[in-house]
């Protein structure tokens, strides 16, 4: 009779262990799902950041082209430098207004 009782206790112990393992696996699965979501969000943010960086690089190149129109030497006066700044601001404002259309 003791052997039957021991087997019964072992079966109950195995059932409890299986239940605990099932719960642990569910928790791990939930964590993996959360990590997957965070990874996807991070990937999207990275893509957006890279697109913005490319756009800024293109705008910087365009601004350099625009600024190369002016030949600023040390002997030029402040008015020429101010003209360059105003042109750059107009170019930037024009690009921003066009991108919102």
C-alpha atoms as a PDB file:
ATOM      1  CA  UNK A   1       0.000   0.000   0.000  1.00  0.00           C
ATOM      2  CA  UNK A   2       2.859   2.386   0.725  1.00  0.00           C
ATOM      3  CA  UNK A   3       4.126   1.980  -2.845  1.00  0.00           C
ATOM      4  CA  UNK A   4       0.720   2.973  -4.246  1.00  0.00           C
ATOM      5  CA  UNK A   5       0.670   5.999  -1.969  1.00  0.00           C
ATOM      6  CA  UNK A   6       4.198   6.971  -3.068  1.00  0.00           C
ATOM      7  CA  UNK A   7       3.257   6.646  -6.746  1.00  0.00           C
ATOM      8  CA  UNK A   8       0.153   8.746  -6.145  1.00  0.00           C
ATOM      9  CA  UNK A   9       2.231  11.459  -4.428  1.00  0.00           C
ATOM     10  CA  UNK A  10       4.714  11.411  -7.300  1.00  0.00           C
ATOM     11  CA  UNK A  11       1.908  11.793  -9.850  1.00  0.00           C
ATOM     12  CA  UNK A  12       0.501  14.773  -7.918  1.00  0.00           C
ATOM     13  CA  UNK A  13       3.986  16.281  -7.702  1.00  0.00           C
ATOM     14  CA  UNK A  14       4.490  15.813 -11.464  1.00  0.00           C
ATOM     15  CA  UNK A  15       1.108  17.430 -12.158  1.00  0.00           C
ATOM     16  CA  UNK A  16       2.000  20.470 -10.020  1.00  0.00           C
ATOM     17  CA  UNK A  17       5.425  20.722 -11.663  1.00  0.00           C
ATOM     18  CA  UNK A  18       3.864  20.513 -15.115  1.00  0.00           C
ATOM     19  CA  UNK A  19       1.424  23.275 -14.215  1.00  0.00           C
ATOM     20  CA  UNK A  20       4.258  25.473 -12.908  1.00  0.00           C
ATOM     21  CA  UNK A  21       6.287  24.841 -16.063  1.00  0.00           C
ATOM     22  CA  UNK A  22       3.279  25.683 -18.225  1.00  0.00           C
ATOM     23  CA  UNK A  23       2.861  28.991 -16.398  1.00  0.00           C
ATOM     24  CA  UNK A  24       6.585  29.757 -16.772  1.00  0.00           C
ATOM     25  CA  UNK A  25       6.418  29.015 -20.498  1.00  0.00           C
ATOM     26  CA  UNK A  26       3.418  31.351 -20.861  1.00  0.00           C
ATOM     27  CA  UNK A  27       5.349  34.110 -19.093  1.00  0.00           C
ATOM     28  CA  UNK A  28       8.389  33.572 -21.314  1.00  0.00           C
ATOM     29  CA  UNK A  29       6.122  33.673 -24.377  1.00  0.00           C
ATOM     30  CA  UNK A  30       4.626  36.956 -23.186  1.00  0.00           C
ATOM     31  CA  UNK A  31       8.087  38.450 -22.689  1.00  0.00           C
ATOM     32  CA  UNK A  32       9.144  37.291 -26.165  1.00  0.00           C
ATOM     33  CA  UNK A  33       6.022  38.888 -27.666  1.00  0.00           C
ATOM     34  CA  UNK A  34       6.781  42.166 -25.873  1.00  0.00           C
ATOM     35  CA  UNK A  35      10.400  42.064 -27.054  1.00  0.00           C
ATOM     36  CA  UNK A  36       9.237  41.403 -30.603  1.00  0.00           C
ATOM     37  CA  UNK A  37       6.943  44.427 -30.433  1.00  0.00           C
ATOM     38  CA  UNK A  38       9.707  46.612 -29.027  1.00  0.00           C
ATOM     39  CA  UNK A  39      12.118  45.400 -31.692  1.00  0.00           C
ATOM     40  CA  UNK A  40       9.626  46.236 -34.440  1.00  0.00           C
ATOM     41  CA  UNK A  41       8.987  49.685 -32.929  1.00  0.00           C
ATOM     42  CA  UNK A  42      12.729  50.282 -32.648  1.00  0.00           C
ATOM     43  CA  UNK A  43      13.187  49.242 -36.262  1.00  0.00           C
ATOM     44  CA  UNK A  44      10.493  51.676 -37.393  1.00  0.00           C
ATOM     45  CA  UNK A  45      12.062  54.498 -35.383  1.00  0.00           C
ATOM     46  CA  UNK A  46      15.461  53.677 -36.866  1.00  0.00           C
ATOM     47  CA  UNK A  47      14.049  53.777 -40.401  1.00  0.00           C
ATOM     48  CA  UNK A  48      12.383  57.135 -39.718  1.00  0.00           C
ATOM     49  CA  UNK A  49      15.599  58.515 -38.246  1.00  0.00           C
ATOM     50  CA  UNK A  50      17.608  57.337 -41.231  1.00  0.00           C
ATOM     51  CA  UNK A  51      15.103  58.904 -43.639  1.00  0.00           C
ATOM     52  CA  UNK A  52      15.298  62.186 -41.739  1.00  0.00           C
ATOM     53  CA  UNK A  53      19.104  62.022 -41.752  1.00  0.00           C
ATOM     54  CA  UNK A  54      19.130  61.420 -45.519  1.00  0.00           C
ATOM     55  CA  UNK A  55      16.758  64.339 -46.030  1.00  0.00           C
ATOM     56  CA  UNK A  56      18.929  66.582 -43.865  1.00  0.00           C
ATOM     57  CA  UNK A  57      22.022  65.534 -45.825  1.00  0.00           C
ATOM     58  CA  UNK A  58      20.251  66.333 -49.093  1.00  0.00           C
ATOM     59  CA  UNK A  59      19.184  69.707 -47.733  1.00  0.00           C
ATOM     60  CA  UNK A  60      22.734  70.419 -46.540  1.00  0.00           C
ATOM     61  CA  UNK A  61      24.063  69.570 -50.001  1.00  0.00           C
ATOM     62  CA  UNK A  62      21.479  71.821 -51.606  1.00  0.00           C
ATOM     63  CA  UNK A  63      22.343  74.603 -49.186  1.00  0.00           C
ATOM     64  CA  UNK A  64      26.052  74.219 -50.030  1.00  0.00           C
ATOM     65  CA  UNK A  65      25.178  74.511 -53.708  1.00  0.00           C
ATOM     66  CA  UNK A  66      23.125  77.619 -53.008  1.00  0.00           C
ATOM     67  CA  UNK A  67      25.865  79.114 -50.850  1.00  0.00           C
ATOM     68  CA  UNK A  68      28.522  78.408 -53.460  1.00  0.00           C
ATOM     69  CA  UNK A  69      26.707  80.905 -55.642  1.00  0.00           C
ATOM     70  CA  UNK A  70      28.248  83.565 -53.478  1.00  0.00           C
ATOM     71  CA  UNK A  71      31.973  84.082 -53.405  1.00  0.00           C
ATOM     72  CA  UNK A  72      32.682  85.156 -49.877  1.00  0.00           C
ATOM     73  CA  UNK A  73      36.179  86.390 -49.360  1.00  0.00           C
ATOM     74  CA  UNK A  74      37.620  87.955 -46.265  1.00  0.00           C
ATOM     75  CA  UNK A  75      37.451  91.335 -47.964  1.00  0.00           C
ATOM     76  CA  UNK A  76      33.683  91.128 -48.563  1.00  0.00           C
ATOM     77  CA  UNK A  77      31.517  93.141 -46.247  1.00  0.00           C
ATOM     78  CA  UNK A  78      28.831  92.002 -43.844  1.00  0.00           C
ATOM     79  CA  UNK A  79      26.056  92.721 -46.318  1.00  0.00           C
ATOM     80  CA  UNK A  80      27.175  89.823 -48.549  1.00  0.00           C
ATOM     81  CA  UNK A  81      27.240  87.459 -45.573  1.00  0.00           C
ATOM     82  CA  UNK A  82      23.783  88.663 -44.562  1.00  0.00           C
ATOM     83  CA  UNK A  83      22.551  88.008 -48.116  1.00  0.00           C
ATOM     84  CA  UNK A  84      23.773  84.444 -47.880  1.00  0.00           C
ATOM     85  CA  UNK A  85      21.996  83.937 -44.563  1.00  0.00           C
ATOM     86  CA  UNK A  86      18.755  85.394 -45.905  1.00  0.00           C
ATOM     87  CA  UNK A  87      18.945  83.228 -49.030  1.00  0.00           C
ATOM     88  CA  UNK A  88      19.524  80.158 -46.884  1.00  0.00           C
ATOM     89  CA  UNK A  89      16.538  81.039 -44.707  1.00  0.00           C
ATOM     90  CA  UNK A  90      14.320  81.587 -47.748  1.00  0.00           C
ATOM     91  CA  UNK A  91      15.448  78.292 -49.267  1.00  0.00           C
ATOM     92  CA  UNK A  92      14.779  76.471 -46.012  1.00  0.00           C
ATOM     93  CA  UNK A  93      11.348  78.126 -45.573  1.00  0.00           C
ATOM     94  CA  UNK A  94      10.424  77.395 -49.181  1.00  0.00           C
ATOM     95  CA  UNK A  95      11.401  73.716 -48.809  1.00  0.00           C
ATOM     96  CA  UNK A  96       9.406  73.453 -45.579  1.00  0.00           C
ATOM     97  CA  UNK A  97       6.329  75.066 -47.096  1.00  0.00           C
ATOM     98  CA  UNK A  98       6.570  72.757 -50.127  1.00  0.00           C
ATOM     99  CA  UNK A  99       6.893  69.652 -47.980  1.00  0.00           C
ATOM    100  CA  UNK A 100       3.647  70.485 -46.156  1.00  0.00           C
ATOM    101  CA  UNK A 101       1.666  70.632 -49.396  1.00  0.00           C
END
